[in-house]
PDB file of N, CA and C in Angstrom:
ATOM      1  N   MET A   1       0.841  -1.170   0.000  1.00  0.00           N
ATOM      2  CA  MET A   1       0.000   0.000   0.000  1.00  0.00           C
ATOM      3  C   MET A   1       0.884   1.230   0.000  1.00  0.00           C
ATOM      4  N   ALA A   2       0.608   2.177  -0.848  1.00  0.00           N
ATOM      5  CA  ALA A   2       1.431   3.366  -0.942  1.00  0.00           C
ATOM      6  C   ALA A   2       0.822   4.562  -0.239  1.00  0.00           C
ATOM      7  N   TYR A   3      -0.269   4.372   0.476  1.00  0.00           N
ATOM      8  CA  TYR A   3      -0.865   5.457   1.251  1.00  0.00           C
ATOM      9  C   TYR A   3      -0.525   5.270   2.716  1.00  0.00           C
ATOM     10  N   PRO A   4      -0.582   6.342   3.508  1.00  0.00           N
ATOM     11  CA  PRO A   4      -0.164   6.250   4.908  1.00  0.00           C
ATOM     12  C   PRO A   4      -1.009   5.279   5.720  1.00  0.00           C
ATOM     13  N   ARG A   5      -0.351   4.653   6.673  1.00  0.00           N
ATOM     14  CA  ARG A   5      -1.034   3.730   7.583  1.00  0.00           C
ATOM     15  C   ARG A   5      -1.412   4.435   8.882  1.00  0.00           C
ATOM     16  N   LYS A   6      -0.905   5.655   9.074  1.00  0.00           N
ATOM     17  CA  LYS A   6      -1.263   6.443  10.252  1.00  0.00           C
ATOM     18  C   LYS A   6      -1.029   7.918   9.952  1.00  0.00           C
ATOM     19  N   CYS A   7      -1.640   8.766  10.769  1.00  0.00           N
ATOM     20  CA  CYS A   7      -1.464  10.211  10.624  1.00  0.00           C
ATOM     21  C   CYS A   7      -0.164  10.622  11.291  1.00  0.00           C
ATOM     22  N   GLU A   8       0.582  11.468  10.629  1.00  0.00           N
ATOM     23  CA  GLU A   8       1.830  11.964  11.212  1.00  0.00           C
ATOM     24  C   GLU A   8       1.582  13.044  12.251  1.00  0.00           C
ATOM     25  N   GLY A   9       0.385  13.629  12.259  1.00  0.00           N
ATOM     26  CA  GLY A   9       0.070  14.682  13.220  1.00  0.00           C
ATOM     27  C   GLY A   9      -0.481  14.146  14.525  1.00  0.00           C
ATOM     28  N   CYS A  10      -1.561  13.348  14.440  1.00  0.00           N
ATOM     29  CA  CYS A  10      -2.227  12.859  15.644  1.00  0.00           C
ATOM     30  C   CYS A  10      -1.891  11.406  15.962  1.00  0.00           C
ATOM     31  N   ASP A  11      -1.163  10.735  15.075  1.00  0.00           N
ATOM     32  CA  ASP A  11      -0.728   9.351  15.260  1.00  0.00           C
ATOM     33  C   ASP A  11      -1.883   8.348  15.226  1.00  0.00           C
ATOM     34  N   ALA A  12      -3.053   8.772  14.731  1.00  0.00           N
ATOM     35  CA  ALA A  12      -4.191   7.843  14.602  1.00  0.00           C
ATOM     36  C   ALA A  12      -3.887   6.841  13.501  1.00  0.00           C
ATOM     37  N   THR A  13      -4.286   5.605  13.711  1.00  0.00           N
ATOM     38  CA  THR A  13      -4.049   4.575  12.717  1.00  0.00           C
ATOM     39  C   THR A  13      -5.133   4.620  11.648  1.00  0.00           C
ATOM     40  N   TYR A  14      -4.745   4.351  10.411  1.00  0.00           N
ATOM     41  CA  TYR A  14      -5.679   4.272   9.300  1.00  0.00           C
ATOM     42  C   TYR A  14      -5.948   2.821   8.912  1.00  0.00           C
ATOM     43  N   VAL A  15      -5.512   1.889   9.743  1.00  0.00           N
ATOM     44  CA  VAL A  15      -5.676   0.463   9.451  1.00  0.00           C
ATOM     45  C   VAL A  15      -6.557  -0.147  10.531  1.00  0.00           C
ATOM     46  N   THR A  16      -7.547  -0.919  10.124  1.00  0.00           N
ATOM     47  CA  THR A  16      -8.456  -1.532  11.076  1.00  0.00           C
ATOM     48  C   THR A  16      -7.839  -2.782  11.678  1.00  0.00           C
ATOM     49  N   TRP A  17      -8.505  -3.367  12.667  1.00  0.00           N
ATOM     50  CA  TRP A  17      -7.986  -4.540  13.373  1.00  0.00           C
ATOM     51  C   TRP A  17      -7.751  -5.720  12.437  1.00  0.00           C
ATOM     52  N   ASN A  18      -8.504  -5.801  11.340  1.00  0.00           N
ATOM     53  CA  ASN A  18      -8.353  -6.952  10.440  1.00  0.00           C
ATOM     54  C   ASN A  18      -7.391  -6.673   9.287  1.00  0.00           C
ATOM     55  N   GLY A  19      -6.694  -5.538   9.349  1.00  0.00           N
ATOM     56  CA  GLY A  19      -5.676  -5.244   8.344  1.00  0.00           C
ATOM     57  C   GLY A  19      -6.158  -4.428   7.167  1.00  0.00           C
ATOM     58  N   PHE A  20      -7.469  -4.192   7.072  1.00  0.00           N
ATOM     59  CA  PHE A  20      -7.979  -3.371   5.986  1.00  0.00           C
ATOM     60  C   PHE A  20      -7.752  -1.901   6.306  1.00  0.00           C
ATOM     61  N   ALA A  21      -7.511  -1.128   5.279  1.00  0.00           N
ATOM     62  CA  ALA A  21      -7.244   0.292   5.475  1.00  0.00           C
ATOM     63  C   ALA A  21      -8.491   1.109   5.201  1.00  0.00           C
ATOM     64  N   SER A  22      -8.736   2.063   6.060  1.00  0.00           N
ATOM     65  CA  SER A  22      -9.712   3.095   5.767  1.00  0.00           C
ATOM     66  C   SER A  22      -8.875   4.341   5.520  1.00  0.00           C
ATOM     67  N   PHE A  23      -9.357   5.234   4.738  1.00  0.00           N
ATOM     68  CA  PHE A  23      -8.537   6.378   4.363  1.00  0.00           C
ATOM     69  C   PHE A  23      -9.177   7.680   4.803  1.00  0.00           C
ATOM     70  N   PRO A  24      -9.095   8.006   6.095  1.00  0.00           N
ATOM     71  CA  PRO A  24      -9.641   9.284   6.540  1.00  0.00           C
ATOM     72  C   PRO A  24      -8.657  10.429   6.281  1.00  0.00           C
ATOM     73  N   HIS A  25      -8.167  10.491   5.057  1.00  0.00           N
ATOM     74  CA  HIS A  25      -7.349  11.619   4.654  1.00  0.00           C
ATOM     75  C   HIS A  25      -7.748  12.026   3.251  1.00  0.00           C
ATOM     76  N   VAL A  26      -7.432  13.283   2.924  1.00  0.00           N
ATOM     77  CA  VAL A  26      -7.802  13.861   1.640  1.00  0.00           C
ATOM     78  C   VAL A  26      -6.541  14.345   0.951  1.00  0.00           C
ATOM     79  N   THR A  27      -6.429  14.103  -0.346  1.00  0.00           N
ATOM     80  CA  THR A  27      -5.300  14.619  -1.114  1.00  0.00           C
ATOM     81  C   THR A  27      -5.604  16.068  -1.474  1.00  0.00           C
ATOM     82  N   LEU A  28      -4.777  16.980  -0.977  1.00  0.00           N
ATOM     83  CA  LEU A  28      -4.950  18.403  -1.267  1.00  0.00           C
ATOM     84  C   LEU A  28      -4.219  18.812  -2.534  1.00  0.00           C
ATOM     85  N   ALA A  29      -3.061  18.202  -2.768  1.00  0.00           N
ATOM     86  CA  ALA A  29      -2.255  18.544  -3.948  1.00  0.00           C
ATOM     87  C   ALA A  29      -1.344  17.372  -4.286  1.00  0.00           C
ATOM     88  N   ALA A  30      -0.989  17.276  -5.561  1.00  0.00           N
ATOM     89  CA  ALA A  30      -0.048  16.258  -6.034  1.00  0.00           C
ATOM     90  C   ALA A  30       0.967  16.947  -6.933  1.00  0.00           C
ATOM     91  N   HIS A  31       2.247  16.610  -6.735  1.00  0.00           N
ATOM     92  CA  HIS A  31       3.338  17.245  -7.480  1.00  0.00           C
ATOM     93  C   HIS A  31       4.272  16.170  -8.019  1.00  0.00           C
ATOM     94  N   ASP A  32       4.909  16.454  -9.144  1.00  0.00           N
ATOM     95  CA  ASP A  32       5.999  15.597  -9.598  1.00  0.00           C
ATOM     96  C   ASP A  32       7.179  15.790  -8.664  1.00  0.00           C
ATOM     97  N   GLY A  33       7.891  14.709  -8.391  1.00  0.00           N
ATOM     98  CA  GLY A  33       9.068  14.803  -7.531  1.00  0.00           C
ATOM     99  C   GLY A  33       9.143  13.612  -6.602  1.00  0.00           C
ATOM    100  N   GLY A  34      10.122  13.632  -5.748  1.00  0.00           N
ATOM    101  CA  GLY A  34      10.299  12.530  -4.822  1.00  0.00           C
ATOM    102  C   GLY A  34      10.933  11.331  -5.498  1.00  0.00           C
ATOM    103  N   THR A  35      10.681  10.177  -4.960  1.00  0.00           N
ATOM    104  CA  THR A  35      11.256   8.925  -5.450  1.00  0.00           C
ATOM    105  C   THR A  35      10.589   8.511  -6.757  1.00  0.00           C
ATOM    106  N   PRO A  36      11.387   8.197  -7.793  1.00  0.00           N
ATOM    107  CA  PRO A  36      10.779   7.743  -9.058  1.00  0.00           C
ATOM    108  C   PRO A  36      10.040   6.423  -8.887  1.00  0.00           C
ATOM    109  N   SER A  37       9.130   6.153  -9.791  1.00  0.00           N
ATOM    110  CA  SER A  37       8.376   4.908  -9.771  1.00  0.00           C
ATOM    111  C   SER A  37       9.327   3.718  -9.861  1.00  0.00           C
ATOM    112  N   PRO A  38       9.136   2.685  -9.037  1.00  0.00           N
ATOM    113  CA  PRO A  38       9.991   1.504  -9.132  1.00  0.00           C
ATOM    114  C   PRO A  38       9.754   0.716 -10.415  1.00  0.00           C
ATOM    115  N   TRP A  39       8.642   0.958 -11.081  1.00  0.00           N
ATOM    116  CA  TRP A  39       8.319   0.243 -12.315  1.00  0.00           C
ATOM    117  C   TRP A  39       8.770   0.972 -13.565  1.00  0.00           C
ATOM    118  N   ASN A  40       9.003   2.281 -13.444  1.00  0.00           N
ATOM    119  CA  ASN A  40       9.447   3.073 -14.585  1.00  0.00           C
ATOM    120  C   ASN A  40      10.241   4.259 -14.046  1.00  0.00           C
ATOM    121  N   ASP A  41      11.539   4.044 -13.818  1.00  0.00           N
ATOM    122  CA  ASP A  41      12.349   5.076 -13.161  1.00  0.00           C
ATOM    123  C   ASP A  41      12.643   6.288 -14.046  1.00  0.00           C
ATOM    124  N   SER A  42      12.201   6.278 -15.288  1.00  0.00           N
ATOM    125  CA  SER A  42      12.371   7.454 -16.136  1.00  0.00           C
ATOM    126  C   SER A  42      11.273   8.498 -15.874  1.00  0.00           C
ATOM    127  N   ARG A  43      10.213   8.087 -15.181  1.00  0.00           N
ATOM    128  CA  ARG A  43       9.126   9.015 -14.859  1.00  0.00           C
ATOM    129  C   ARG A  43       9.328   9.559 -13.455  1.00  0.00           C
ATOM    130  N   PRO A  44       8.944  10.815 -13.230  1.00  0.00           N
ATOM    131  CA  PRO A  44       9.103  11.383 -11.881  1.00  0.00           C
ATOM    132  C   PRO A  44       8.160  10.720 -10.887  1.00  0.00           C
ATOM    133  N   GLY A  45       8.534  10.756  -9.643  1.00  0.00           N
ATOM    134  CA  GLY A  45       7.678  10.233  -8.589  1.00  0.00           C
ATOM    135  C   GLY A  45       6.548  11.195  -8.297  1.00  0.00           C
ATOM    136  N   ARG A  46       5.799  10.910  -7.238  1.00  0.00           N
ATOM    137  CA  ARG A  46       4.673  11.754  -6.856  1.00  0.00           C
ATOM    138  C   ARG A  46       4.799  12.136  -5.390  1.00  0.00           C
ATOM    139  N   LEU A  47       4.671  13.419  -5.144  1.00  0.00           N
ATOM    140  CA  LEU A  47       4.594  13.941  -3.789  1.00  0.00           C
ATOM    141  C   LEU A  47       3.160  14.405  -3.568  1.00  0.00           C
ATOM    142  N   LEU A  48       2.536  13.911  -2.522  1.00  0.00           N
ATOM    143  CA  LEU A  48       1.150  14.256  -2.224  1.00  0.00           C
ATOM    144  C   LEU A  48       1.090  15.061  -0.937  1.00  0.00           C
ATOM    145  N   ASP A  49       0.293  16.100  -0.927  1.00  0.00           N
ATOM    146  CA  ASP A  49      -0.018  16.821   0.305  1.00  0.00           C
ATOM    147  C   ASP A  49      -1.350  16.276   0.791  1.00  0.00           C
ATOM    148  N   LEU A  50      -1.330  15.619   1.955  1.00  0.00           N
ATOM    149  CA  LEU A  50      -2.510  14.950   2.498  1.00  0.00           C
ATOM    150  C   LEU A  50      -2.965  15.645   3.768  1.00  0.00           C
ATOM    151  N   ARG A  51      -4.287  15.757   3.943  1.00  0.00           N
ATOM    152  CA  ARG A  51      -4.843  16.295   5.184  1.00  0.00           C
ATOM    153  C   ARG A  51      -5.572  15.174   5.907  1.00  0.00           C
ATOM    154  N   CYS A  52      -5.266  15.002   7.171  1.00  0.00           N
ATOM    155  CA  CYS A  52      -5.949  14.027   8.009  1.00  0.00           C
ATOM    156  C   CYS A  52      -7.329  14.580   8.342  1.00  0.00           C
ATOM    157  N   GLU A  53      -8.361  13.803   8.063  1.00  0.00           N
ATOM    158  CA  GLU A  53      -9.718  14.237   8.358  1.00  0.00           C
ATOM    159  C   GLU A  53     -10.067  14.049   9.831  1.00  0.00           C
ATOM    160  N   LEU A  54      -9.184  13.405  10.598  1.00  0.00           N
ATOM    161  CA  LEU A  54      -9.434  13.197  12.020  1.00  0.00           C
ATOM    162  C   LEU A  54      -8.927  14.361  12.869  1.00  0.00           C
ATOM    163  N   CYS A  55      -7.831  15.016  12.428  1.00  0.00           N
ATOM    164  CA  CYS A  55      -7.244  16.072  13.257  1.00  0.00           C
ATOM    165  C   CYS A  55      -6.911  17.357  12.493  1.00  0.00           C
ATOM    166  N   GLY A  56      -6.954  17.339  11.165  1.00  0.00           N
ATOM    167  CA  GLY A  56      -6.662  18.534  10.378  1.00  0.00           C
ATOM    168  C   GLY A  56      -5.203  18.719  10.016  1.00  0.00           C
ATOM    169  N   ALA A  57      -4.328  17.831  10.470  1.00  0.00           N
ATOM    170  CA  ALA A  57      -2.908  17.947  10.133  1.00  0.00           C
ATOM    171  C   ALA A  57      -2.718  17.770   8.626  1.00  0.00           C
ATOM    172  N   VAL A  58      -1.696  18.424   8.087  1.00  0.00           N
ATOM    173  CA  VAL A  58      -1.350  18.284   6.669  1.00  0.00           C
ATOM    174  C   VAL A  58       0.086  17.792   6.602  1.00  0.00           C
ATOM    175  N   PHE A  59       0.317  16.749   5.815  1.00  0.00           N
ATOM    176  CA  PHE A  59       1.673  16.242   5.668  1.00  0.00           C
ATOM    177  C   PHE A  59       1.963  15.895   4.228  1.00  0.00           C
ATOM    178  N   ARG A  60       3.246  15.955   3.861  1.00  0.00           N
ATOM    179  CA  ARG A  60       3.697  15.616   2.508  1.00  0.00           C
ATOM    180  C   ARG A  60       4.095  14.155   2.483  1.00  0.00           C
ATOM    181  N   TRP A  61       3.629  13.431   1.465  1.00  0.00           N
ATOM    182  CA  TRP A  61       3.803  11.985   1.348  1.00  0.00           C
ATOM    183  C   TRP A  61       4.522  11.673   0.050  1.00  0.00           C
ATOM    184  N   ASP A  62       5.643  10.952   0.133  1.00  0.00           N
ATOM    185  CA  ASP A  62       6.379  10.491  -1.052  1.00  0.00           C
ATOM    186  C   ASP A  62       5.816   9.120  -1.404  1.00  0.00           C
ATOM    187  N   TYR A  63       5.034   9.077  -2.464  1.00  0.00           N
ATOM    188  CA  TYR A  63       4.247   7.893  -2.810  1.00  0.00           C
ATOM    189  C   TYR A  63       5.105   6.649  -3.074  1.00  0.00           C
ATOM    190  N   PHE A  64       6.263   6.810  -3.719  1.00  0.00           N
ATOM    191  CA  PHE A  64       7.072   5.659  -4.105  1.00  0.00           C
ATOM    192  C   PHE A  64       8.282   5.406  -3.204  1.00  0.00           C
ATOM    193  N   ALA A  65       8.498   6.222  -2.188  1.00  0.00           N
ATOM    194  CA  ALA A  65       9.648   6.012  -1.297  1.00  0.00           C
ATOM    195  C   ALA A  65       9.457   4.730  -0.499  1.00  0.00           C
ATOM    196  N   ARG A  66      10.543   4.077  -0.152  1.00  0.00           N
ATOM    197  CA  ARG A  66      10.488   2.865   0.676  1.00  0.00           C
ATOM    198  C   ARG A  66      10.475   3.262   2.145  1.00  0.00           C
ATOM    199  N   ALA A  67       9.528   2.729   2.876  1.00  0.00           N
ATOM    200  CA  ALA A  67       9.471   2.943   4.317  1.00  0.00           C
ATOM    201  C   ALA A  67      10.409   1.952   5.000  1.00  0.00           C
ATOM    202  N   ASP A  68      10.572   2.097   6.297  1.00  0.00           N
ATOM    203  CA  ASP A  68      11.459   1.205   7.055  1.00  0.00           C
ATOM    204  C   ASP A  68      11.021  -0.254   6.979  1.00  0.00           C
ATOM    205  N   ASP A  69       9.720  -0.485   6.865  1.00  0.00           N
ATOM    206  CA  ASP A  69       9.218  -1.861   6.800  1.00  0.00           C
ATOM    207  C   ASP A  69       9.124  -2.370   5.354  1.00  0.00           C
ATOM    208  N   ARG A  70       9.776  -1.684   4.427  1.00  0.00           N
ATOM    209  CA  ARG A  70       9.889  -2.061   3.014  1.00  0.00           C
ATOM    210  C   ARG A  70       8.612  -1.810   2.211  1.00  0.00           C
ATOM    211  N   ARG A  71       7.593  -1.223   2.817  1.00  0.00           N
ATOM    212  CA  ARG A  71       6.396  -0.855   2.065  1.00  0.00           C
ATOM    213  C   ARG A  71       6.680   0.408   1.272  1.00  0.00           C
ATOM    214  N   LEU A  72       5.858   0.647   0.274  1.00  0.00           N
ATOM    215  CA  LEU A  72       5.975   1.889  -0.473  1.00  0.00           C
ATOM    216  C   LEU A  72       5.275   3.003   0.293  1.00  0.00           C
ATOM    217  N   GLY A  73       5.828   4.208   0.188  1.00  0.00           N
ATOM    218  CA  GLY A  73       5.243   5.384   0.802  1.00  0.00           C
ATOM    219  C   GLY A  73       5.916   5.766   2.103  1.00  0.00           C
ATOM    220  N   ARG A  74       6.231   7.073   2.212  1.00  0.00           N
ATOM    221  CA  ARG A  74       6.897   7.562   3.424  1.00  0.00           C
ATOM    222  C   ARG A  74       6.603   9.048   3.579  1.00  0.00           C
ATOM    223  N   THR A  75       6.447   9.480   4.813  1.00  0.00           N
ATOM    224  CA  THR A  75       6.231  10.895   5.086  1.00  0.00           C
ATOM    225  C   THR A  75       7.510  11.674   4.858  1.00  0.00           C
ATOM    226  N   VAL A  76       7.383  12.801   4.175  1.00  0.00           N
ATOM    227  CA  VAL A  76       8.519  13.688   3.941  1.00  0.00           C
ATOM    228  C   VAL A  76       8.549  14.775   5.007  1.00  0.00           C
ATOM    229  N   ALA A  77       7.388  15.387   5.282  1.00  0.00           N
ATOM    230  CA  ALA A  77       7.348  16.483   6.246  1.00  0.00           C
ATOM    231  C   ALA A  77       5.929  16.673   6.759  1.00  0.00           C
ATOM    232  N   LEU A  78       5.824  17.135   7.983  1.00  0.00           N
ATOM    233  CA  LEU A  78       4.549  17.569   8.534  1.00  0.00           C
ATOM    234  C   LEU A  78       4.424  19.050   8.182  1.00  0.00           C
ATOM    235  N   LEU A  79       3.456  19.393   7.350  1.00  0.00           N
ATOM    236  CA  LEU A  79       3.310  20.764   6.869  1.00  0.00           C
ATOM    237  C   LEU A  79       2.459  21.618   7.800  1.00  0.00           C
ATOM    238  N   ARG A  80       1.505  20.994   8.493  1.00  0.00           N
ATOM    239  CA  ARG A  80       0.665  21.713   9.460  1.00  0.00           C
ATOM    240  C   ARG A  80       0.313  20.759  10.584  1.00  0.00           C
ATOM    241  N   ASP A  81       0.508  21.226  11.809  1.00  0.00           N
ATOM    242  CA  ASP A  81       0.193  20.427  12.996  1.00  0.00           C
ATOM    243  C   ASP A  81      -1.314  20.207  13.108  1.00  0.00           C
ATOM    244  N   PRO A  82      -1.738  19.241  13.942  1.00  0.00           N
ATOM    245  CA  PRO A  82      -3.171  19.069  14.180  1.00  0.00           C
ATOM    246  C   PRO A  82      -3.793  20.365  14.683  1.00  0.00           C
ATOM    247  N   ILE A  83      -5.047  20.566  14.344  1.00  0.00           N
ATOM    248  CA  ILE A  83      -5.760  21.784  14.726  1.00  0.00           C
ATOM    249  C   ILE A  83      -6.593  21.490  15.972  1.00  0.00           C
ATOM    250  N   PRO A  84      -6.341  22.211  17.070  1.00  0.00           N
ATOM    251  CA  PRO A  84      -7.149  21.993  18.279  1.00  0.00           C
ATOM    252  C   PRO A  84      -8.631  22.250  17.983  1.00  0.00           C
ATOM    253  N   GLY A  85      -9.490  21.364  18.457  1.00  0.00           N
ATOM    254  CA  GLY A  85     -10.920  21.517  18.249  1.00  0.00           C
ATOM    255  C   GLY A  85     -11.408  21.107  16.870  1.00  0.00           C
ATOM    256  N   TRP A  86     -10.533  20.493  16.055  1.00  0.00           N
ATOM    257  CA  TRP A  86     -10.921  20.047  14.707  1.00  0.00           C
ATOM    258  C   TRP A  86     -12.045  19.040  14.820  1.00  0.00           C
ATOM    259  N   ARG A  87     -13.048  19.196  13.987  1.00  0.00           N
ATOM    260  CA  ARG A  87     -14.146  18.226  13.954  1.00  0.00           C
ATOM    261  C   ARG A  87     -13.893  17.255  12.814  1.00  0.00           C
ATOM    262  N   ALA A  88     -13.911  15.988  13.136  1.00  0.00           N
ATOM    263  CA  ALA A  88     -13.678  14.964  12.117  1.00  0.00           C
ATOM    264  C   ALA A  88     -14.771  15.041  11.055  1.00  0.00           C
ATOM    265  N   ALA A  89     -14.377  14.857   9.810  1.00  0.00           N
ATOM    266  CA  ALA A  89     -15.335  14.832   8.710  1.00  0.00           C
ATOM    267  C   ALA A  89     -16.268  13.648   8.890  1.00  0.00           C
ATOM    268  N   PRO A  90     -17.540  13.761   8.477  1.00  0.00           N
ATOM    269  CA  PRO A  90     -18.481  12.647   8.658  1.00  0.00           C
ATOM    270  C   PRO A  90     -17.982  11.336   8.053  1.00  0.00           C
ATOM    271  N   ALA A  91     -17.296  11.391   6.924  1.00  0.00           N
ATOM    272  CA  ALA A  91     -16.807  10.165   6.285  1.00  0.00           C
ATOM    273  C   ALA A  91     -15.703   9.504   7.099  1.00  0.00           C
ATOM    274  N   ALA A  92     -15.081  10.234   8.017  1.00  0.00           N
ATOM    275  CA  ALA A  92     -13.976   9.691   8.796  1.00  0.00           C
ATOM    276  C   ALA A  92     -14.424   9.101  10.128  1.00  0.00           C
ATOM    277  N   THR A  93     -15.675   9.245  10.485  1.00  0.00           N
ATOM    278  CA  THR A  93     -16.135   8.729  11.762  1.00  0.00           C
ATOM    279  C   THR A  93     -16.253   7.215  11.726  1.00  0.00           C
ATOM    280  N   SER A  94     -16.170   6.601  12.885  1.00  0.00           N
ATOM    281  CA  SER A  94     -16.169   5.141  12.946  1.00  0.00           C
ATOM    282  C   SER A  94     -17.450   4.531  12.387  1.00  0.00           C
ATOM    283  N   ALA A  95     -18.577   5.228  12.488  1.00  0.00           N
ATOM    284  CA  ALA A  95     -19.832   4.687  11.969  1.00  0.00           C
ATOM    285  C   ALA A  95     -19.821   4.591  10.447  1.00  0.00           C
ATOM    286  N   ASN A  96     -19.000   5.395   9.799  1.00  0.00           N
ATOM    287  CA  ASN A  96     -18.971   5.420   8.337  1.00  0.00           C
ATOM    288  C   ASN A  96     -17.795   4.666   7.737  1.00  0.00           C
ATOM    289  N   ARG A  97     -16.962   4.073   8.559  1.00  0.00           N
ATOM    290  CA  ARG A  97     -15.822   3.325   8.034  1.00  0.00           C
ATOM    291  C   ARG A  97     -16.263   1.961   7.544  1.00  0.00           C
ATOM    292  N   GLY A  98     -15.413   1.353   6.762  1.00  0.00           N
ATOM    293  CA  GLY A  98     -15.708   0.015   6.295  1.00  0.00           C
ATOM    294  C   GLY A  98     -16.186   0.027   4.851  1.00  0.00           C
ATOM    295  N   TRP A  99     -16.612  -1.108   4.424  1.00  0.00           N
ATOM    296  CA  TRP A  99     -17.014  -1.289   3.042  1.00  0.00           C
ATOM    297  C   TRP A  99     -18.294  -0.515   2.772  1.00  0.00           C
ATOM    298  N   ARG A 100     -18.257   0.374   1.800  1.00  0.00           N
ATOM    299  CA  ARG A 100     -19.403   1.241   1.524  1.00  0.00           C
ATOM    300  C   ARG A 100     -20.574   0.495   0.895  1.00  0.00           C
ATOM    301  N   GLY A 101     -20.346  -0.662   0.325  1.00  0.00           N
ATOM    302  CA  GLY A 101     -21.423  -1.405  -0.301  1.00  0.00           C
ATOM    303  C   GLY A 101     -22.184  -2.301   0.658  1.00  0.00           C
ATOM    304  N   ALA A 102     -21.799  -2.329   1.922  1.00  0.00           N
ATOM    305  CA  ALA A 102     -22.414  -3.247   2.880  1.00  0.00           C
ATOM    306  C   ALA A 102     -23.917  -3.010   3.016  1.00  0.00           C
ATOM    307  N   GLU A 103     -24.330  -1.733   3.095  1.00  0.00           N
ATOM    308  CA  GLU A 103     -25.750  -1.437   3.253  1.00  0.00           C
ATOM    309  C   GLU A 103     -26.534  -1.916   2.034  1.00  0.00           C
ATOM    310  N   ARG A 104     -25.993  -1.668   0.861  1.00  0.00           N
ATOM    311  CA  ARG A 104     -26.676  -2.076  -0.372  1.00  0.00           C
ATOM    312  C   ARG A 104     -26.720  -3.592  -0.489  1.00  0.00           C
ATOM    313  N   ALA A 105     -25.691  -4.270  -0.036  1.00  0.00           N
ATOM    314  CA  ALA A 105     -25.660  -5.732  -0.124  1.00  0.00           C
ATOM    315  C   ALA A 105     -26.798  -6.329   0.728  1.00  0.00           C
ATOM    316  N   GLU A 106     -27.079  -5.739   1.887  1.00  0.00           N
ATOM    317  CA  GLU A 106     -28.159  -6.235   2.726  1.00  0.00           C
ATOM    318  C   GLU A 106     -29.512  -6.009   2.069  1.00  0.00           C
ATOM    319  N   GLN A 107     -29.636  -4.915   1.320  1.00  0.00           N
ATOM    320  CA  GLN A 107     -30.899  -4.603   0.657  1.00  0.00           C
ATOM    321  C   GLN A 107     -31.152  -5.519  -0.541  1.00  0.00           C
ATOM    322  N   ARG A 108     -30.107  -6.140  -1.095  1.00  0.00           N
ATOM    323  CA  ARG A 108     -30.242  -6.947  -2.296  1.00  0.00           C
ATOM    324  C   ARG A 108     -30.329  -8.437  -1.989  1.00  0.00           C
ATOM    325  N   ARG A 109     -30.814  -8.795  -0.846  1.00  0.00           N
ATOM    326  CA  ARG A 109     -30.928 -10.211  -0.508  1.00  0.00           C
ATOM    327  C   ARG A 109     -31.816 -10.940  -1.511  1.00  0.00           C
ATOM    328  N   ALA A 110     -31.502 -12.179  -1.731  1.00  0.00           N
ATOM    329  CA  ALA A 110     -32.303 -12.974  -2.651  1.00  0.00           C
ATOM    330  C   ALA A 110     -33.708 -13.159  -2.089  1.00  0.00           C
ATOM    331  N   SER A 111     -34.694 -13.143  -2.956  1.00  0.00           N
ATOM    332  CA  SER A 111     -36.076 -13.309  -2.485  1.00  0.00           C
ATOM    333  C   SER A 111     -36.501 -14.761  -2.527  1.00  0.00           C
TER     334      SER A 111
END
């Protein structure tokens, strides 16, 4: 996975107990730069500015950089600290996490 597994500002995990990732962050900007793609090193890498929807922190993410655990993706810098009193976006709340098709799957039961 090349997206963050936790917030660099509030240290909240973006991975559930069963190993699935929820992504309570938003991409604010994407730039060429950073580590080139491991599949095509002639193309520039991608630097993403991500905002955590849980705390409001903004951090720069090098999409193709190798992390310490050999996964792709690594934080380059914390651009903005968590915002005191930040209200989590509705999509980031625990009630809204998980597979989005679950409600529809229950409605489509065989008759």
